[in-house]
Amino acid sequence: MSMTINNRLAALLADPFDSVLEKCGRDLAGGGNVRRMFAQRPVPLTLWEDEHGIQLEMDVPGLKQDEIELTVENGQLTIRGERKSPEREGECRHDERRFGEFERVVTLADTIDTGSIEAVLEDGVLSIALSKKPEAQPHRVEVKYQSSGK
């Protein structure tokens, strides 16, 4: 009976990530599918809005300007690229760096002027400026005085 209680208690106290970490450890030791795990994660980006538009930054270390493609179609900005794995001699034992193709799609609001999108690549960071249409930008409305004529 105490064996059953101990097994139940152990099951309740078990860390649900133990099996995941154990599997990762096996994959890391044997090559496994770790490269696929990292390659499937989307390339992280930061996106913020100010009064003039939206700014987007994405880390793309090691990529050159001609290895990144930006397209706008049907209200979506698509960012594609490929980071090629360096050729090495010998057998790779562990590699957490991301290689391969990536794609991120950002749905654009109707207020974005798609004709004025600008992209700059500097020090491994892709910066994209998405300007708002002039009519969507904040502007001051003048209050006029009208005499009642009485």
Protein backbone atom coordinates (compact mmCIF):
# COMPACT_ATOMS: atom_id res chain seq x y z
CA MET A 1 0.00 0.00 0.00
CA SER A 2 2.79 2.46 0.82
CA MET A 3 4.27 1.71 -2.61
CA THR A 4 1.07 2.88 -4.30
CA ILE A 5 0.96 6.07 -2.23
CA ASN A 6 4.63 6.79 -3.00
CA ASN A 7 4.05 6.25 -6.74
CA ARG A 8 1.05 8.58 -6.72
CA LEU A 9 2.97 11.18 -4.72
CA ALA A 10 5.93 10.92 -7.09
CA ALA A 11 3.60 11.37 -10.06
CA LEU A 12 2.04 14.46 -8.47
CA LEU A 13 5.42 15.99 -7.68
CA ALA A 14 7.05 15.13 -11.02
CA ASP A 15 8.17 18.03 -13.17
CA PRO A 16 6.25 17.85 -16.47
CA PHE A 17 9.34 19.16 -18.29
CA ASP A 18 11.57 16.27 -17.15
CA SER A 19 10.63 14.10 -20.12
CA VAL A 20 11.06 16.99 -22.55
CA LEU A 21 14.50 17.83 -21.15
CA GLU A 22 15.45 14.17 -21.15
CA LYS A 23 14.44 13.87 -24.82
CA CYS A 24 16.36 17.05 -25.69
CA GLY A 25 19.40 15.64 -23.92
CA ARG A 26 19.19 12.49 -26.05
CA ASP A 27 18.74 14.58 -29.17
CA LEU A 28 21.68 16.80 -28.27
CA ALA A 29 23.93 13.83 -27.64
CA GLY A 30 22.96 12.01 -30.81
CA GLY A 31 22.28 14.84 -33.22
CA GLY A 32 18.59 13.95 -33.37
CA ASN A 33 16.09 16.56 -34.44
CA VAL A 34 17.37 19.51 -32.42
CA ARG A 35 18.19 21.44 -35.61
CA ARG A 36 14.58 21.02 -36.73
CA MET A 37 13.28 22.17 -33.33
CA PHE A 38 15.20 25.45 -33.57
CA ALA A 39 14.56 25.95 -37.29
CA GLN A 40 10.79 25.72 -36.79
CA ARG A 41 10.71 28.56 -34.28
CA PRO A 42 9.86 31.87 -35.95
CA VAL A 43 12.52 34.54 -36.14
CA PRO A 44 11.67 36.92 -33.27
CA LEU A 45 10.72 40.48 -34.03
CA THR A 46 9.87 43.63 -32.14
CA LEU A 47 7.03 45.82 -33.32
CA TRP A 48 5.91 49.18 -31.91
CA GLU A 49 3.71 52.04 -33.00
CA ASP A 50 4.15 55.76 -32.73
CA GLU A 51 2.07 58.64 -34.12
CA HIS A 52 3.68 58.37 -37.58
CA GLY A 53 3.51 54.62 -38.13
CA ILE A 54 4.79 51.24 -37.10
CA GLN A 55 8.41 50.29 -36.59
CA LEU A 56 9.58 46.71 -36.82
CA GLU A 57 12.97 45.20 -35.95
CA MET A 58 14.17 41.68 -36.56
CA ASP A 59 17.55 40.11 -35.76
CA VAL A 60 19.04 38.52 -38.88
CA PRO A 61 22.70 37.98 -37.97
CA GLY A 62 25.05 37.08 -40.79
CA LEU A 63 22.60 37.90 -43.58
CA LYS A 64 23.41 40.28 -46.38
CA GLN A 65 21.01 42.71 -47.99
CA ASP A 66 20.45 40.50 -51.04
CA GLU A 67 19.59 37.48 -48.84
CA ILE A 68 16.45 39.15 -47.46
CA GLU A 69 13.25 39.60 -49.44
CA LEU A 70 10.34 41.84 -48.45
CA THR A 71 7.05 41.77 -50.33
CA VAL A 72 3.70 43.46 -49.77
CA GLU A 73 0.60 41.77 -51.11
CA ASN A 74 -3.06 41.74 -50.06
CA GLY A 75 -2.41 43.81 -46.94
CA GLN A 76 0.43 41.61 -45.69
CA LEU A 77 4.15 42.25 -45.37
CA THR A 78 6.16 39.07 -45.90
CA ILE A 79 9.80 38.90 -44.79
CA ARG A 80 11.81 35.97 -46.17
CA GLY A 81 15.42 34.96 -45.98
CA GLU A 82 17.83 32.12 -45.65
CA ARG A 83 20.78 31.73 -43.35
CA LYS A 84 23.09 29.13 -44.82
CA SER A 85 24.93 26.73 -42.58
CA PRO A 86 28.70 27.08 -42.82
CA GLU A 87 30.60 24.14 -44.27
CA ARG A 88 32.77 22.42 -41.70
CA GLU A 89 34.88 19.33 -41.63
CA GLY A 90 34.09 16.68 -39.06
CA GLU A 91 30.87 15.72 -37.34
CA CYS A 92 28.82 18.40 -35.59
CA ARG A 93 28.03 17.31 -32.01
CA HIS A 94 25.90 20.24 -30.91
CA ASP A 95 24.52 23.27 -32.73
CA GLU A 96 21.83 25.63 -31.40
CA ARG A 97 22.33 28.31 -34.02
CA ARG A 98 19.54 28.75 -36.53
CA PHE A 99 20.13 27.99 -40.17
CA GLY A 100 17.79 27.55 -43.08
CA GLU A 101 14.92 29.48 -44.57
CA PHE A 102 12.64 31.70 -42.54
CA GLU A 103 9.46 33.62 -43.25
CA ARG A 104 7.44 36.04 -41.17
CA VAL A 105 4.12 37.51 -42.28
CA VAL A 106 2.78 40.70 -40.69
CA THR A 107 -0.80 41.74 -41.44
CA LEU A 108 -0.92 45.46 -42.12
CA ALA A 109 -3.68 47.77 -40.94
CA ASP A 110 -5.61 49.73 -43.58
CA THR A 111 -3.99 52.88 -42.19
CA ILE A 112 -0.50 51.85 -43.42
CA ASP A 113 0.83 53.48 -46.61
CA THR A 114 2.31 50.42 -48.32
CA GLY A 115 4.07 52.60 -50.90
CA SER A 116 6.26 54.23 -48.28
CA ILE A 117 7.71 51.16 -46.52
CA GLU A 118 11.45 51.49 -45.92
CA ALA A 119 13.84 48.75 -44.80
CA VAL A 120 17.43 49.11 -43.56
CA LEU A 121 19.86 46.34 -42.61
CA GLU A 122 22.53 47.39 -40.13
CA ASP A 123 24.74 45.26 -37.86
CA GLY A 124 22.53 42.18 -38.23
CA VAL A 125 19.29 44.03 -37.42
CA LEU A 126 16.62 44.55 -40.07
CA SER A 127 14.64 47.74 -39.35
CA ILE A 128 11.41 48.36 -41.24
CA ALA A 129 9.44 51.61 -41.10
CA LEU A 130 5.76 51.40 -42.02
CA SER A 131 4.31 54.91 -42.32
CA LYS A 132 0.67 55.68 -41.71
CA LYS A 133 -1.35 57.21 -44.53
CA PRO A 134 -1.51 61.01 -44.13
CA GLU A 135 -5.22 60.90 -43.33
CA ALA A 136 -4.56 58.34 -40.56
CA GLN A 137 -1.90 60.43 -38.83
CA PRO A 138 -2.94 62.64 -35.94
CA HIS A 139 -3.59 66.20 -36.93
CA ARG A 140 -4.97 69.27 -35.30
CA VAL A 141 -8.43 70.51 -36.20
CA GLU A 142 -8.93 74.23 -36.10
CA VAL A 143 -11.90 75.51 -34.14
CA LYS A 144 -13.53 78.42 -35.95
CA TYR A 145 -15.45 81.19 -34.31
CA GLN A 146 -18.89 81.96 -35.61
CA SER A 147 -20.86 84.93 -34.45
CA SER A 148 -24.53 84.35 -33.71
CA GLY A 149 -25.27 87.74 -35.28
CA LYS A 150 -27.66 88.89 -32.53
